[in-house]
Amino acid sequence: MDVQWDDLRVFLAVARAESLSGAGRMLRIDPATVGRRIARLETDLGAPLFAKSPMGYALSDAGQRLMSHAVRVEQAVEGVAEEMAGQSGGLTGQIRIGAPDGAANFVLPQVCARIARDNPDLEIQIVALPRVFNLTRREADMVVAVSPPTAGRLSVQKITDYHLHLAAHRSYLRQHDPITQLSDLKGHRLVGYIQDMIFDKELDYLSEAGVERVNLASNSVAVQVNWIRQGGGIGVVHDFSIPWFRGLRKLLVGDFTLTRSFYLVRHADDRRLERLNRFAAALVSETRTEVARLEALT
């Protein structure tokens, strides 16, 4: 059986995009060509690699088994490319980071801009999604997470702690009764998460303040803080987001403070790739610096 790397590259693209058209865009080839390549690979291997449905292409059992082997081949090819190119110069190629939208909106843009400035041939992508990323399927090269995963072949490094407080815009505070203790929240409009869309227990902020329901809810941190900025109500916000919004005021600082952490999560096998190691080191260092800088401004 002669399976070529180019065939595995097409297989990985379909597995990650879950469609021929998505894989075609990733590889910059026609979707029909992608389909023919997958059909040929399935014939060569004597097994269907995908379950096809109107929802897309899902890995079959055989596809799941091939996935782990294909990823190892991909890593070996990338390692050879790194070795041949040498690592004395700047970083090159594409690196995709998955992150919750708080970090993606208020911290990572300036962090990655600084890294990109020092590595002009590097392409950085930030994927901001309110859910857990699948690194095995290479939805991202690495992930900034709010809690460390406990399963899978993953490498986890704590980046930094960050803090959250109750906050409101000064326009809202001028129009409503003073807030001097947590029990006063019952008389105010509250902004927070959609409860059944909280994908990580670390994001259940308001429950720690004894709040059971909110008046304005979104699964996006950016939407929440913009509601608060518009005078929509009171909510829990990241301290590092406050400097971006004039007029936002922290409340009950002595009574309610939350401490959370960011973690950098990578596939364990990627620790062998010096290019990703160098990027990860820069990302961790710059993120620590940026969170501390922004929090000092509040």
Protein backbone atom coordinates (compact mmCIF):
# COMPACT_ATOMS: atom_id res chain seq x y z
CA MET A 1 0.00 0.00 0.00
CA ASP A 2 1.55 3.31 -1.08
CA VAL A 3 -0.04 6.27 0.72
CA GLN A 4 1.52 9.59 -0.29
CA TRP A 5 1.87 12.64 1.97
CA ASP A 6 -0.02 14.73 -0.56
CA ASP A 7 -3.02 12.39 -0.21
CA LEU A 8 -2.83 12.61 3.57
CA ARG A 9 -2.68 16.40 3.33
CA VAL A 10 -5.98 16.40 1.42
CA PHE A 11 -7.48 13.95 3.92
CA LEU A 12 -6.48 16.21 6.85
CA ALA A 13 -8.00 19.26 5.15
CA VAL A 14 -11.36 17.52 4.66
CA ALA A 15 -11.32 16.18 8.22
CA ARG A 16 -10.72 19.67 9.59
CA ALA A 17 -13.05 21.59 7.28
CA GLU A 18 -15.74 18.85 7.29
CA SER A 19 -16.48 19.65 3.66
CA LEU A 20 -14.90 19.38 0.22
CA SER A 21 -15.38 23.08 -0.46
CA GLY A 22 -13.79 24.08 2.84
CA ALA A 23 -10.85 21.77 2.20
CA GLY A 24 -10.53 23.18 -1.31
CA ARG A 25 -10.26 26.71 0.08
CA MET A 26 -7.61 25.60 2.57
CA LEU A 27 -5.57 23.85 -0.11
CA ARG A 28 -6.45 26.29 -2.92
CA ILE A 29 -7.62 23.54 -5.23
CA ASP A 30 -10.98 22.72 -6.81
CA PRO A 31 -13.45 20.87 -4.51
CA ALA A 32 -14.06 18.30 -7.25
CA THR A 33 -10.36 17.51 -7.22
CA VAL A 34 -10.51 17.13 -3.44
CA GLY A 35 -13.38 14.69 -3.84
CA ARG A 36 -11.52 12.60 -6.40
CA ARG A 37 -8.43 12.47 -4.19
CA ILE A 38 -10.46 11.30 -1.20
CA ALA A 39 -12.23 8.66 -3.31
CA ARG A 40 -8.88 7.39 -4.55
CA LEU A 41 -7.47 7.25 -1.02
CA GLU A 42 -10.52 5.33 0.21
CA THR A 43 -10.08 2.87 -2.65
CA ASP A 44 -6.39 2.43 -1.88
CA LEU A 45 -7.10 1.84 1.81
CA GLY A 46 -10.17 -0.31 1.19
CA ALA A 47 -12.34 1.58 3.68
CA PRO A 48 -14.59 4.65 3.77
CA LEU A 49 -12.87 7.51 5.59
CA PHE A 50 -15.90 9.77 5.95
CA ALA A 51 -19.60 9.50 6.63
CA LYS A 52 -21.18 11.92 4.16
CA SER A 53 -24.41 13.75 4.99
CA PRO A 54 -26.08 17.11 4.29
CA MET A 55 -24.33 18.34 7.44
CA GLY A 56 -20.89 17.65 5.96
CA TYR A 57 -18.11 15.09 6.13
CA ALA A 58 -17.65 13.33 9.48
CA LEU A 59 -14.78 10.92 10.11
CA SER A 60 -15.68 7.24 9.99
CA ASP A 61 -14.04 4.73 12.33
CA ALA A 62 -11.36 4.11 9.70
CA GLY A 63 -10.97 7.87 9.28
CA GLN A 64 -10.49 8.31 13.01
CA ARG A 65 -7.72 5.71 12.98
CA LEU A 66 -6.04 7.31 9.98
CA MET A 67 -6.28 10.78 11.56
CA SER A 68 -3.72 10.09 14.29
CA HIS A 69 -1.24 8.65 11.78
CA ALA A 70 -1.78 11.50 9.34
CA VAL A 71 -1.18 14.10 12.05
CA ARG A 72 2.12 12.45 13.00
CA VAL A 73 3.19 12.49 9.36
CA GLU A 74 2.23 16.17 9.14
CA GLN A 75 4.32 16.97 12.19
CA ALA A 76 7.28 15.05 10.77
CA VAL A 77 7.05 16.96 7.49
CA GLU A 78 6.87 20.29 9.35
CA GLY A 79 9.85 19.25 11.47
CA VAL A 80 11.92 18.48 8.37
CA ALA A 81 10.98 21.86 6.87
CA GLU A 82 12.06 23.62 10.08
CA GLU A 83 15.32 21.72 10.20
CA MET A 84 16.16 22.53 6.59
CA ALA A 85 15.21 26.19 6.91
CA GLY A 86 17.05 26.68 10.19
CA GLN A 87 15.71 28.67 13.13
CA SER A 88 18.13 31.59 13.29
CA GLY A 89 15.79 33.95 11.46
CA GLY A 90 12.23 35.10 12.11
CA LEU A 91 9.20 32.85 12.28
CA THR A 92 7.38 32.12 9.05
CA GLY A 93 4.25 30.32 7.87
CA GLN A 94 0.80 30.34 9.43
CA ILE A 95 -0.12 29.85 13.09
CA ARG A 96 -3.74 29.73 14.24
CA ILE A 97 -4.73 30.52 17.84
CA GLY A 98 -8.10 29.62 19.33
CA ALA A 99 -9.28 31.79 22.21
CA PRO A 100 -12.36 32.83 24.18
CA ASP A 101 -13.59 36.15 22.88
CA GLY A 102 -12.53 38.15 25.96
CA ALA A 103 -8.88 37.36 25.31
CA ALA A 104 -9.39 37.46 21.54
CA ASN A 105 -10.89 40.95 21.61
CA PHE A 106 -8.97 42.77 24.30
CA VAL A 107 -5.56 41.10 24.71
CA LEU A 108 -4.42 38.98 21.78
CA PRO A 109 -4.66 41.60 18.99
CA GLN A 110 -1.95 43.81 20.46
CA VAL A 111 0.07 40.79 21.66
CA CYS A 112 0.06 39.21 18.21
CA ALA A 113 0.73 42.55 16.54
CA ARG A 114 3.97 42.82 18.48
CA ILE A 115 4.97 39.26 17.60
CA ALA A 116 4.11 39.91 13.93
CA ARG A 117 6.19 43.09 13.95
CA ASP A 118 9.25 41.05 14.94
CA ASN A 119 8.40 38.28 12.43
CA PRO A 120 7.18 39.98 9.25
CA ASP A 121 6.86 36.72 7.29
CA LEU A 122 4.61 35.12 9.91
CA GLU A 123 0.84 34.84 9.36
CA ILE A 124 -1.17 34.80 12.62
CA GLN A 125 -4.85 33.89 12.79
CA ILE A 126 -7.03 34.39 15.88
CA VAL A 127 -10.22 32.32 16.02
CA ALA A 128 -12.60 33.71 18.64
CA LEU A 129 -15.28 31.16 19.45
CA PRO A 130 -17.29 30.63 22.65
CA ARG A 131 -16.56 26.91 22.85
CA VAL A 132 -13.81 24.35 23.42
CA PHE A 133 -11.43 23.83 20.49
CA ASN A 134 -10.42 20.41 19.19
CA LEU A 135 -6.64 20.39 18.81
CA THR A 136 -6.51 16.81 17.55
CA ARG A 137 -8.51 17.87 14.51
CA ARG A 138 -6.28 20.94 14.20
CA GLU A 139 -8.99 23.52 14.57
CA ALA A 140 -6.09 25.57 15.89
CA ASP A 141 -2.36 25.14 16.43
CA MET A 142 -2.74 26.21 20.05
CA VAL A 143 -5.49 27.46 22.32
CA VAL A 144 -5.76 30.04 25.06
CA ALA A 145 -8.18 28.44 27.53
CA VAL A 146 -9.78 29.54 30.80
CA SER A 147 -9.36 26.16 32.48
CA PRO A 148 -6.80 23.37 31.98
CA PRO A 149 -8.13 20.33 30.11
CA THR A 150 -7.94 17.02 31.91
CA ALA A 151 -8.17 14.61 28.97
CA GLY A 152 -6.32 14.05 25.72
CA ARG A 153 -2.68 14.13 24.67
CA LEU A 154 -2.26 17.80 25.45
CA SER A 155 0.45 20.06 26.82
CA VAL A 156 -0.81 22.72 29.23
CA GLN A 157 1.05 25.80 30.47
CA LYS A 158 -0.40 28.45 32.76
CA ILE A 159 -0.04 31.89 31.19
CA THR A 160 -1.26 34.29 33.86
CA ASP A 161 -4.01 35.12 36.33
CA TYR A 162 -6.49 37.86 35.49
CA HIS A 163 -9.25 39.59 37.46
CA LEU A 164 -12.89 40.49 36.99
CA HIS A 165 -15.19 42.94 38.76
CA LEU A 166 -18.72 44.17 38.61
CA ALA A 167 -18.91 47.26 36.44
CA ALA A 168 -21.34 49.76 34.98
CA HIS A 169 -21.12 52.81 32.78
CA ARG A 170 -21.22 56.17 34.54
CA SER A 171 -24.37 57.11 32.55
CA TYR A 172 -26.19 54.14 34.09
CA LEU A 173 -24.92 54.95 37.59
CA ARG A 174 -26.14 58.56 37.33
CA GLN A 175 -29.67 57.38 36.57
CA HIS A 176 -30.06 54.70 39.25
CA ASP A 177 -29.89 54.23 42.97
CA PRO A 178 -26.44 53.85 44.52
CA ILE A 179 -24.89 50.39 44.78
CA THR A 180 -23.21 49.92 48.15
CA GLN A 181 -23.53 46.18 48.70
CA LEU A 182 -24.19 43.01 46.72
CA SER A 183 -27.83 42.87 47.80
CA ASP A 184 -28.42 46.16 45.96
CA LEU A 185 -27.98 44.33 42.65
CA LYS A 186 -31.55 43.03 42.91
CA GLY A 187 -32.81 46.47 42.01
CA HIS A 188 -30.77 46.80 38.82
CA ARG A 189 -30.67 45.46 35.29
CA LEU A 190 -28.00 42.79 34.95
CA VAL A 191 -25.91 41.75 31.96
CA GLY A 192 -24.35 38.30 31.64
CA TYR A 193 -24.06 34.98 29.86
CA ILE A 194 -26.86 32.89 28.39
CA GLN A 195 -26.89 30.23 31.09
CA ASP A 196 -27.27 27.15 28.91
CA MET A 197 -24.48 28.33 26.58
CA ILE A 198 -21.75 28.61 29.21
CA PHE A 199 -19.12 26.20 27.86
CA ASP A 200 -16.77 26.35 30.85
CA LYS A 201 -17.67 26.53 34.55
CA GLU A 202 -15.03 29.25 34.99
CA LEU A 203 -17.29 31.57 32.98
CA ASP A 204 -20.22 31.32 35.40
CA TYR A 205 -19.34 34.66 36.99
CA LEU A 206 -22.62 36.01 38.31
CA SER A 207 -23.54 32.89 40.27
CA GLU A 208 -20.72 33.81 42.65
CA ALA A 209 -22.50 37.10 43.29
CA GLY A 210 -25.73 35.28 44.09
CA VAL A 211 -27.38 36.32 40.80
CA GLU A 212 -29.76 33.73 39.35
CA ARG A 213 -30.96 35.47 36.18
CA VAL A 214 -29.95 38.38 33.96
CA ASN A 215 -31.99 40.84 31.93
CA LEU A 216 -29.57 41.09 29.02
CA ALA A 217 -27.66 37.96 28.01
CA SER A 218 -25.18 36.94 25.35
CA ASN A 219 -22.67 34.12 24.82
CA SER A 220 -20.13 36.80 23.80
CA VAL A 221 -18.04 38.80 26.27
CA ALA A 222 -17.71 41.55 23.68
CA VAL A 223 -21.50 41.89 23.39
CA GLN A 224 -21.88 41.93 27.16
CA VAL A 225 -19.33 44.68 27.74
CA ASN A 226 -20.78 46.74 24.89
CA TRP A 227 -24.23 46.45 26.49
CA ILE A 228 -22.73 47.73 29.73
CA ARG A 229 -20.93 50.52 27.86
CA GLN A 230 -24.27 51.62 26.39
CA GLY A 231 -25.74 51.97 29.88
CA GLY A 232 -27.73 48.75 29.59
CA GLY A 233 -26.99 47.54 33.10
CA ILE A 234 -24.42 46.04 35.45
CA GLY A 235 -22.25 43.03 34.68
CA VAL A 236 -19.02 41.25 35.46
CA VAL A 237 -16.22 42.40 33.18
CA HIS A 238 -12.56 41.56 32.74
CA ASP A 239 -10.35 44.24 34.26
CA PHE A 240 -8.24 44.12 31.10
CA SER A 241 -11.26 45.21 29.02
CA ILE A 242 -12.05 48.32 31.09
CA PRO A 243 -9.36 50.61 29.61
CA TRP A 244 -10.93 50.13 26.17
CA PHE A 245 -14.22 51.77 27.23
CA ARG A 246 -14.39 55.32 28.53
CA GLY A 247 -16.85 55.78 31.36
CA LEU A 248 -16.80 52.19 32.64
CA ARG A 249 -16.56 52.05 36.44
CA LYS A 250 -15.74 49.11 38.72
CA LEU A 251 -18.21 48.51 41.55
CA LEU A 252 -17.99 46.93 45.02
CA VAL A 253 -14.29 46.25 44.61
CA GLY A 254 -13.89 45.35 48.26
CA ASP A 255 -16.85 42.95 48.22
CA PHE A 256 -16.58 41.15 44.88
CA THR A 257 -13.42 40.22 43.00
CA LEU A 258 -12.90 37.16 40.82
CA THR A 259 -9.55 35.69 39.88
CA ARG A 260 -9.31 33.44 36.83
CA SER A 261 -6.42 32.13 34.75
CA PHE A 262 -5.43 31.74 31.12
CA TYR A 263 -3.72 28.53 30.00
CA LEU A 264 -1.90 27.79 26.77
CA VAL A 265 -2.98 24.38 25.47
CA ARG A 266 -1.15 22.55 22.69
CA HIS A 267 -1.12 19.06 21.27
CA ALA A 268 1.61 17.13 23.07
CA ASP A 269 3.30 16.10 19.82
CA ASP A 270 3.76 19.74 18.83
CA ARG A 271 6.38 20.20 21.54
CA ARG A 272 8.84 18.74 19.04
CA LEU A 273 8.28 21.62 16.62
CA GLU A 274 10.73 24.40 17.43
CA ARG A 275 8.78 26.94 15.38
CA LEU A 276 5.67 26.47 17.53
CA ASN A 277 7.79 26.40 20.70
CA ARG A 278 9.28 29.79 19.85
CA PHE A 279 5.88 31.27 19.05
CA ALA A 280 4.34 29.84 22.23
CA ALA A 281 7.13 31.33 24.36
CA ALA A 282 6.58 34.76 22.81
CA LEU A 283 2.80 34.48 23.18
CA VAL A 284 3.01 33.57 26.87
CA SER A 285 5.51 36.32 27.67
CA GLU A 286 3.66 39.05 25.76
CA THR A 287 0.26 38.02 27.15
CA ARG A 288 1.51 38.20 30.74
CA THR A 289 2.91 41.66 30.07
CA GLU A 290 -0.24 42.91 28.33
CA VAL A 291 -2.69 41.67 30.98
CA ALA A 292 -0.59 43.30 33.72
CA ARG A 293 -0.38 46.55 31.76
CA LEU A 294 -4.13 46.78 31.13
CA GLU A 295 -5.09 45.83 34.67
CA ALA A 296 -2.79 48.54 36.04
CA LEU A 297 -4.84 51.12 34.14
CA THR A 298 -8.12 50.32 35.93
